[in-house]
């Protein structure tokens, strides 16, 4: 995949995301929502950063199984049960993202939701990637 990150000067500088991603490739991978589930289907992690790390790990595991890499991500949506807490932990969450996925940020959005499928889940990530 080739990905052109587009961040126009007329918009506020992005921090941890790209305003637009122009992706060229031949395979689309749609990634289902991932929470902090372990292999037994139990939510792990008591804090938002811990759950975010597991959810992102799960998302990237699915992506790699489909033949992709973090750089192939074109779009990710983060569903958080508490956006204020997400903002409070933004620096930590950014460090987790960079550690696991690098600095090639996809187009992203963070959406607050009342709750997720698993009541203990604090965050869920889904997205899509474009592979060569």
N, C-alpha and C. Protein backbone atom coordinates (compact mmCIF):
# COMPACT_ATOMS: atom_id res chain seq x y z
N UNK A 1 0.84 -1.17 0.00
CA UNK A 1 0.00 0.00 0.00
C UNK A 1 0.89 1.23 0.00
N UNK A 2 0.43 2.24 -0.70
CA UNK A 2 1.03 3.54 -0.53
C UNK A 2 0.02 4.39 0.22
N UNK A 3 0.50 5.12 1.17
CA UNK A 3 -0.38 5.96 1.98
C UNK A 3 0.20 7.36 2.02
N UNK A 4 -0.61 8.29 1.61
CA UNK A 4 -0.22 9.69 1.70
C UNK A 4 -1.02 10.31 2.83
N UNK A 5 -0.31 10.76 3.86
CA UNK A 5 -0.96 11.44 4.98
C UNK A 5 -1.13 12.90 4.60
N UNK A 6 -2.36 13.40 4.67
CA UNK A 6 -2.67 14.76 4.24
C UNK A 6 -3.09 15.57 5.46
N UNK A 7 -2.31 16.59 5.76
CA UNK A 7 -2.58 17.45 6.90
C UNK A 7 -2.47 18.91 6.44
N UNK A 8 -3.57 19.45 5.90
CA UNK A 8 -3.54 20.79 5.31
C UNK A 8 -3.21 21.87 6.34
N UNK A 9 -2.46 22.89 5.91
CA UNK A 9 -2.10 23.97 6.82
C UNK A 9 -3.31 24.77 7.31
N UNK A 10 -4.43 24.70 6.61
CA UNK A 10 -5.63 25.42 7.02
C UNK A 10 -6.38 24.77 8.17
N UNK A 11 -5.93 23.58 8.62
CA UNK A 11 -6.54 22.88 9.76
C UNK A 11 -5.58 22.91 10.93
N UNK A 12 -6.11 22.71 12.12
CA UNK A 12 -5.24 22.67 13.30
C UNK A 12 -4.25 21.52 13.15
N UNK A 13 -3.05 21.69 13.68
CA UNK A 13 -2.05 20.62 13.56
C UNK A 13 -2.55 19.34 14.24
N UNK A 14 -2.47 18.20 13.56
CA UNK A 14 -2.93 16.96 14.16
C UNK A 14 -1.95 16.45 15.21
N UNK A 15 -2.47 15.86 16.24
CA UNK A 15 -1.64 15.24 17.28
C UNK A 15 -2.12 13.80 17.45
N UNK A 16 -1.37 12.86 16.93
CA UNK A 16 -1.73 11.45 17.07
C UNK A 16 -2.72 10.95 16.05
N UNK A 17 -2.94 11.68 14.96
CA UNK A 17 -3.82 11.25 13.88
C UNK A 17 -3.45 12.03 12.64
N UNK A 18 -3.99 11.63 11.50
CA UNK A 18 -3.86 12.39 10.26
C UNK A 18 -5.24 12.88 9.88
N UNK A 19 -5.32 14.08 9.31
CA UNK A 19 -6.62 14.60 8.89
C UNK A 19 -7.21 13.77 7.76
N UNK A 20 -6.37 13.29 6.87
CA UNK A 20 -6.83 12.46 5.75
C UNK A 20 -5.71 11.51 5.37
N UNK A 21 -6.10 10.37 4.83
CA UNK A 21 -5.13 9.40 4.33
C UNK A 21 -5.60 8.98 2.94
N UNK A 22 -4.75 9.18 1.95
CA UNK A 22 -5.04 8.72 0.60
C UNK A 22 -4.30 7.39 0.45
N UNK A 23 -5.06 6.30 0.36
CA UNK A 23 -4.46 4.97 0.33
C UNK A 23 -4.68 4.34 -1.05
N UNK A 24 -3.60 3.79 -1.58
CA UNK A 24 -3.67 3.11 -2.86
C UNK A 24 -3.19 1.68 -2.64
N UNK A 25 -4.00 0.74 -3.03
CA UNK A 25 -3.65 -0.67 -2.88
C UNK A 25 -4.71 -1.52 -3.52
N UNK A 26 -4.61 -2.82 -3.33
CA UNK A 26 -5.56 -3.70 -4.00
C UNK A 26 -6.43 -4.52 -3.05
N UNK A 27 -6.12 -4.49 -1.76
CA UNK A 27 -6.91 -5.28 -0.81
C UNK A 27 -7.36 -4.40 0.34
N UNK A 28 -8.65 -4.46 0.64
CA UNK A 28 -9.18 -3.77 1.81
C UNK A 28 -9.35 -4.78 2.94
N UNK A 29 -8.94 -4.40 4.14
CA UNK A 29 -9.13 -5.25 5.31
C UNK A 29 -9.99 -4.45 6.29
N UNK A 30 -11.17 -4.95 6.58
CA UNK A 30 -12.06 -4.32 7.54
C UNK A 30 -11.87 -5.01 8.88
N UNK A 31 -11.49 -4.24 9.88
CA UNK A 31 -11.15 -4.79 11.19
C UNK A 31 -12.30 -4.59 12.16
N UNK A 32 -12.77 -5.67 12.72
CA UNK A 32 -13.87 -5.64 13.69
C UNK A 32 -13.42 -4.93 14.95
N UNK A 33 -14.38 -4.43 15.69
CA UNK A 33 -14.08 -3.78 16.95
C UNK A 33 -13.36 -4.71 17.90
N UNK A 34 -12.29 -4.20 18.50
CA UNK A 34 -11.50 -4.99 19.44
C UNK A 34 -11.47 -4.27 20.78
N UNK A 35 -11.75 -5.01 21.83
CA UNK A 35 -11.63 -4.50 23.18
C UNK A 35 -10.44 -5.20 23.84
N UNK A 36 -10.35 -5.11 25.14
CA UNK A 36 -9.22 -5.69 25.88
C UNK A 36 -9.48 -7.14 26.26
N UNK A 37 -10.04 -7.90 25.34
CA UNK A 37 -10.29 -9.32 25.63
C UNK A 37 -9.02 -10.14 25.53
N UNK A 38 -8.86 -11.07 26.48
CA UNK A 38 -7.76 -12.02 26.38
C UNK A 38 -8.23 -13.21 25.56
N UNK A 39 -7.39 -14.22 25.43
CA UNK A 39 -7.74 -15.38 24.59
C UNK A 39 -8.88 -16.20 25.18
N UNK A 40 -9.21 -15.99 26.44
CA UNK A 40 -10.35 -16.68 27.06
C UNK A 40 -11.63 -15.86 26.96
N UNK A 41 -11.56 -14.70 26.31
CA UNK A 41 -12.75 -13.87 26.16
C UNK A 41 -13.09 -13.03 27.38
N UNK A 42 -12.09 -12.79 28.22
CA UNK A 42 -12.29 -11.97 29.42
C UNK A 42 -11.58 -10.63 29.26
N UNK A 43 -12.25 -9.55 29.70
CA UNK A 43 -11.64 -8.23 29.65
C UNK A 43 -10.51 -8.18 30.66
N UNK A 44 -9.34 -7.72 30.22
CA UNK A 44 -8.18 -7.59 31.11
C UNK A 44 -7.77 -6.14 31.19
N UNK A 45 -7.24 -5.75 32.32
CA UNK A 45 -6.79 -4.38 32.54
C UNK A 45 -7.84 -3.57 33.28
N UNK A 46 -7.41 -2.94 34.36
CA UNK A 46 -8.33 -2.15 35.17
C UNK A 46 -8.32 -0.67 34.81
N UNK A 47 -7.35 -0.25 33.99
CA UNK A 47 -7.23 1.16 33.65
C UNK A 47 -7.44 1.35 32.16
N UNK A 48 -7.78 2.57 31.78
CA UNK A 48 -7.95 2.87 30.36
C UNK A 48 -6.67 2.62 29.57
N UNK A 49 -5.50 3.08 30.04
CA UNK A 49 -4.28 2.79 29.27
C UNK A 49 -4.02 1.29 29.10
N UNK A 50 -4.24 0.51 30.14
CA UNK A 50 -4.02 -0.94 30.04
C UNK A 50 -4.99 -1.57 29.05
N UNK A 51 -6.25 -1.16 29.10
CA UNK A 51 -7.23 -1.71 28.16
C UNK A 51 -6.96 -1.23 26.73
N UNK A 52 -6.54 0.02 26.58
CA UNK A 52 -6.21 0.54 25.25
C UNK A 52 -5.07 -0.27 24.64
N UNK A 53 -4.06 -0.55 25.44
CA UNK A 53 -2.91 -1.32 24.93
C UNK A 53 -3.35 -2.71 24.47
N UNK A 54 -4.19 -3.36 25.24
CA UNK A 54 -4.66 -4.70 24.85
C UNK A 54 -5.56 -4.63 23.63
N UNK A 55 -6.46 -3.64 23.58
CA UNK A 55 -7.36 -3.51 22.43
C UNK A 55 -6.57 -3.23 21.16
N UNK A 56 -5.57 -2.35 21.24
CA UNK A 56 -4.75 -2.06 20.07
C UNK A 56 -3.94 -3.28 19.67
N UNK A 57 -3.41 -4.00 20.64
CA UNK A 57 -2.68 -5.24 20.35
C UNK A 57 -3.60 -6.21 19.61
N UNK A 58 -4.83 -6.35 20.08
CA UNK A 58 -5.78 -7.25 19.43
C UNK A 58 -6.08 -6.80 18.00
N UNK A 59 -6.28 -5.50 17.80
CA UNK A 59 -6.55 -4.97 16.46
C UNK A 59 -5.37 -5.26 15.53
N UNK A 60 -4.15 -5.01 16.02
CA UNK A 60 -2.97 -5.25 15.19
C UNK A 60 -2.72 -6.73 14.95
N UNK A 61 -3.11 -7.58 15.89
CA UNK A 61 -3.00 -9.03 15.69
C UNK A 61 -3.90 -9.47 14.54
N UNK A 62 -5.13 -8.96 14.52
CA UNK A 62 -6.06 -9.28 13.42
C UNK A 62 -5.51 -8.75 12.10
N UNK A 63 -4.98 -7.53 12.13
CA UNK A 63 -4.43 -6.94 10.91
C UNK A 63 -3.25 -7.76 10.38
N UNK A 64 -2.35 -8.14 11.26
CA UNK A 64 -1.19 -8.93 10.83
C UNK A 64 -1.63 -10.29 10.28
N UNK A 65 -2.65 -10.89 10.91
CA UNK A 65 -3.15 -12.18 10.43
C UNK A 65 -3.73 -12.07 9.02
N UNK A 66 -4.20 -10.87 8.66
CA UNK A 66 -4.73 -10.62 7.32
C UNK A 66 -3.62 -10.20 6.34
N UNK A 67 -2.39 -10.13 6.83
CA UNK A 67 -1.26 -9.81 5.97
C UNK A 67 -0.84 -8.35 5.99
N UNK A 68 -1.37 -7.57 6.93
CA UNK A 68 -1.06 -6.14 6.99
C UNK A 68 -0.11 -5.76 8.10
N UNK A 69 0.27 -4.50 8.09
CA UNK A 69 1.12 -3.92 9.12
C UNK A 69 0.45 -2.65 9.63
N UNK A 70 0.89 -2.12 10.76
CA UNK A 70 0.30 -0.87 11.25
C UNK A 70 0.34 0.26 10.23
N UNK A 71 1.36 0.32 9.40
CA UNK A 71 1.46 1.38 8.39
C UNK A 71 0.36 1.27 7.34
N UNK A 72 -0.30 0.11 7.24
CA UNK A 72 -1.39 -0.08 6.27
C UNK A 72 -2.73 0.45 6.77
N UNK A 73 -2.80 0.82 8.05
CA UNK A 73 -4.06 1.34 8.59
C UNK A 73 -4.42 2.66 7.92
N UNK A 74 -5.61 2.73 7.38
CA UNK A 74 -6.08 3.97 6.76
C UNK A 74 -7.04 4.71 7.68
N UNK A 75 -7.79 3.98 8.51
CA UNK A 75 -8.80 4.59 9.37
C UNK A 75 -8.97 3.76 10.63
N UNK A 76 -9.04 4.43 11.78
CA UNK A 76 -9.32 3.78 13.07
C UNK A 76 -10.32 4.66 13.81
N UNK A 77 -11.33 4.01 14.36
CA UNK A 77 -12.27 4.70 15.24
C UNK A 77 -12.10 4.14 16.64
N UNK A 78 -11.99 5.04 17.61
CA UNK A 78 -11.86 4.67 19.02
C UNK A 78 -13.19 4.99 19.69
N UNK A 79 -13.78 4.00 20.32
CA UNK A 79 -15.01 4.18 21.09
C UNK A 79 -14.62 4.12 22.56
N UNK A 80 -14.87 5.21 23.27
CA UNK A 80 -14.49 5.29 24.68
C UNK A 80 -15.72 5.55 25.53
N UNK A 81 -15.77 4.90 26.69
CA UNK A 81 -16.92 5.11 27.57
C UNK A 81 -16.80 6.41 28.35
N UNK A 82 -15.62 7.05 28.30
CA UNK A 82 -15.41 8.31 29.01
C UNK A 82 -14.35 9.13 28.26
N UNK A 83 -14.81 10.05 27.42
CA UNK A 83 -13.87 10.85 26.63
C UNK A 83 -13.01 11.74 27.52
N UNK A 84 -13.56 12.22 28.64
CA UNK A 84 -12.76 13.03 29.56
C UNK A 84 -11.56 12.22 30.07
N UNK A 85 -11.79 10.97 30.42
CA UNK A 85 -10.69 10.10 30.87
C UNK A 85 -9.72 9.85 29.72
N UNK A 86 -10.24 9.70 28.52
CA UNK A 86 -9.39 9.50 27.35
C UNK A 86 -8.46 10.71 27.17
N UNK A 87 -9.02 11.91 27.29
CA UNK A 87 -8.21 13.12 27.17
C UNK A 87 -7.18 13.21 28.29
N UNK A 88 -7.57 12.84 29.51
CA UNK A 88 -6.65 12.86 30.64
C UNK A 88 -5.46 11.95 30.39
N UNK A 89 -5.70 10.80 29.77
CA UNK A 89 -4.65 9.81 29.52
C UNK A 89 -4.07 9.91 28.11
N UNK A 90 -4.36 10.98 27.39
CA UNK A 90 -3.96 11.08 25.98
C UNK A 90 -2.47 10.88 25.77
N UNK A 91 -1.65 11.44 26.63
CA UNK A 91 -0.20 11.31 26.48
C UNK A 91 0.22 9.84 26.60
N UNK A 92 -0.33 9.15 27.61
CA UNK A 92 -0.03 7.72 27.80
C UNK A 92 -0.52 6.89 26.62
N UNK A 93 -1.74 7.20 26.16
CA UNK A 93 -2.32 6.44 25.05
C UNK A 93 -1.51 6.66 23.78
N UNK A 94 -1.03 7.89 23.58
CA UNK A 94 -0.18 8.17 22.44
C UNK A 94 1.12 7.38 22.49
N UNK A 95 1.69 7.26 23.68
CA UNK A 95 2.92 6.48 23.84
C UNK A 95 2.67 5.01 23.52
N UNK A 96 1.53 4.49 23.94
CA UNK A 96 1.16 3.11 23.63
C UNK A 96 1.04 2.95 22.11
N UNK A 97 0.34 3.89 21.47
CA UNK A 97 0.17 3.82 20.02
C UNK A 97 1.54 3.79 19.32
N UNK A 98 2.42 4.72 19.68
CA UNK A 98 3.72 4.79 19.03
C UNK A 98 4.53 3.52 19.26
N UNK A 99 4.45 2.95 20.46
CA UNK A 99 5.18 1.72 20.78
C UNK A 99 4.70 0.56 19.91
N UNK A 100 3.39 0.45 19.73
CA UNK A 100 2.83 -0.70 19.02
C UNK A 100 2.64 -0.48 17.52
N UNK A 101 2.32 0.76 17.12
CA UNK A 101 1.94 1.00 15.73
C UNK A 101 2.83 2.00 15.01
N UNK A 102 3.71 2.67 15.72
CA UNK A 102 4.60 3.62 15.07
C UNK A 102 3.98 5.00 14.94
N UNK A 103 4.54 5.78 14.03
CA UNK A 103 4.12 7.18 13.86
C UNK A 103 3.39 7.44 12.55
N UNK A 104 3.07 6.40 11.79
CA UNK A 104 2.28 6.56 10.58
C UNK A 104 0.81 6.52 10.99
N UNK A 105 0.30 7.67 11.39
CA UNK A 105 -1.05 7.71 11.95
C UNK A 105 -2.12 7.63 10.87
N UNK A 106 -3.15 6.83 11.10
CA UNK A 106 -4.29 6.80 10.19
C UNK A 106 -5.22 7.99 10.47
N UNK A 107 -6.21 8.15 9.63
CA UNK A 107 -7.30 9.07 9.96
C UNK A 107 -8.01 8.44 11.16
N UNK A 108 -8.35 9.25 12.16
CA UNK A 108 -8.92 8.70 13.39
C UNK A 108 -10.03 9.57 13.92
N UNK A 109 -10.88 8.94 14.73
CA UNK A 109 -11.90 9.66 15.48
C UNK A 109 -12.05 8.97 16.82
N UNK A 110 -12.39 9.75 17.84
CA UNK A 110 -12.71 9.21 19.16
C UNK A 110 -14.16 9.56 19.43
N UNK A 111 -14.95 8.55 19.76
CA UNK A 111 -16.38 8.73 19.98
C UNK A 111 -16.72 8.22 21.37
N UNK A 112 -17.46 9.01 22.15
CA UNK A 112 -17.91 8.54 23.46
C UNK A 112 -19.19 7.73 23.29
N UNK A 113 -19.23 6.60 23.98
CA UNK A 113 -20.39 5.72 23.94
C UNK A 113 -20.86 5.46 25.37
N UNK A 114 -22.11 5.12 25.51
CA UNK A 114 -22.67 4.85 26.84
C UNK A 114 -22.03 3.62 27.46
N UNK A 115 -21.89 2.57 26.66
CA UNK A 115 -21.21 1.36 27.11
C UNK A 115 -20.85 0.52 25.91
N UNK A 116 -20.01 -0.47 26.14
CA UNK A 116 -19.59 -1.38 25.09
C UNK A 116 -20.20 -2.76 25.34
N UNK A 117 -20.02 -3.67 24.41
CA UNK A 117 -20.63 -5.00 24.53
C UNK A 117 -20.31 -5.66 25.87
N UNK A 118 -19.02 -5.66 26.22
CA UNK A 118 -18.62 -6.18 27.53
C UNK A 118 -18.65 -5.03 28.51
N UNK A 119 -19.44 -5.16 29.55
CA UNK A 119 -19.66 -4.07 30.49
C UNK A 119 -18.38 -3.53 31.11
N UNK A 120 -17.36 -4.37 31.28
CA UNK A 120 -16.12 -3.93 31.90
C UNK A 120 -15.22 -3.19 30.92
N UNK A 121 -15.52 -3.26 29.63
CA UNK A 121 -14.67 -2.64 28.61
C UNK A 121 -14.79 -1.12 28.67
N UNK A 122 -13.65 -0.46 28.63
CA UNK A 122 -13.59 1.01 28.66
C UNK A 122 -13.33 1.60 27.28
N UNK A 123 -12.81 0.77 26.35
CA UNK A 123 -12.43 1.28 25.04
C UNK A 123 -12.53 0.15 24.01
N UNK A 124 -12.86 0.54 22.78
CA UNK A 124 -12.91 -0.40 21.65
C UNK A 124 -12.34 0.31 20.43
N UNK A 125 -11.61 -0.41 19.61
CA UNK A 125 -11.04 0.15 18.38
C UNK A 125 -11.46 -0.70 17.20
N UNK A 126 -11.86 -0.03 16.12
CA UNK A 126 -12.08 -0.73 14.86
C UNK A 126 -11.45 0.09 13.74
N UNK A 127 -11.43 -0.44 12.55
CA UNK A 127 -10.84 0.33 11.47
C UNK A 127 -10.76 -0.46 10.19
N UNK A 128 -10.04 0.13 9.24
CA UNK A 128 -9.75 -0.62 8.01
C UNK A 128 -8.36 -0.25 7.52
N UNK A 129 -7.82 -1.18 6.75
CA UNK A 129 -6.49 -1.03 6.19
C UNK A 129 -6.55 -1.29 4.70
N UNK A 130 -5.58 -0.75 3.98
CA UNK A 130 -5.45 -0.99 2.55
C UNK A 130 -4.09 -1.65 2.34
N UNK A 131 -4.11 -2.85 1.80
CA UNK A 131 -2.89 -3.61 1.57
C UNK A 131 -2.52 -3.57 0.09
N UNK A 132 -1.23 -3.75 -0.21
CA UNK A 132 -0.79 -3.74 -1.62
C UNK A 132 -1.45 -4.84 -2.43
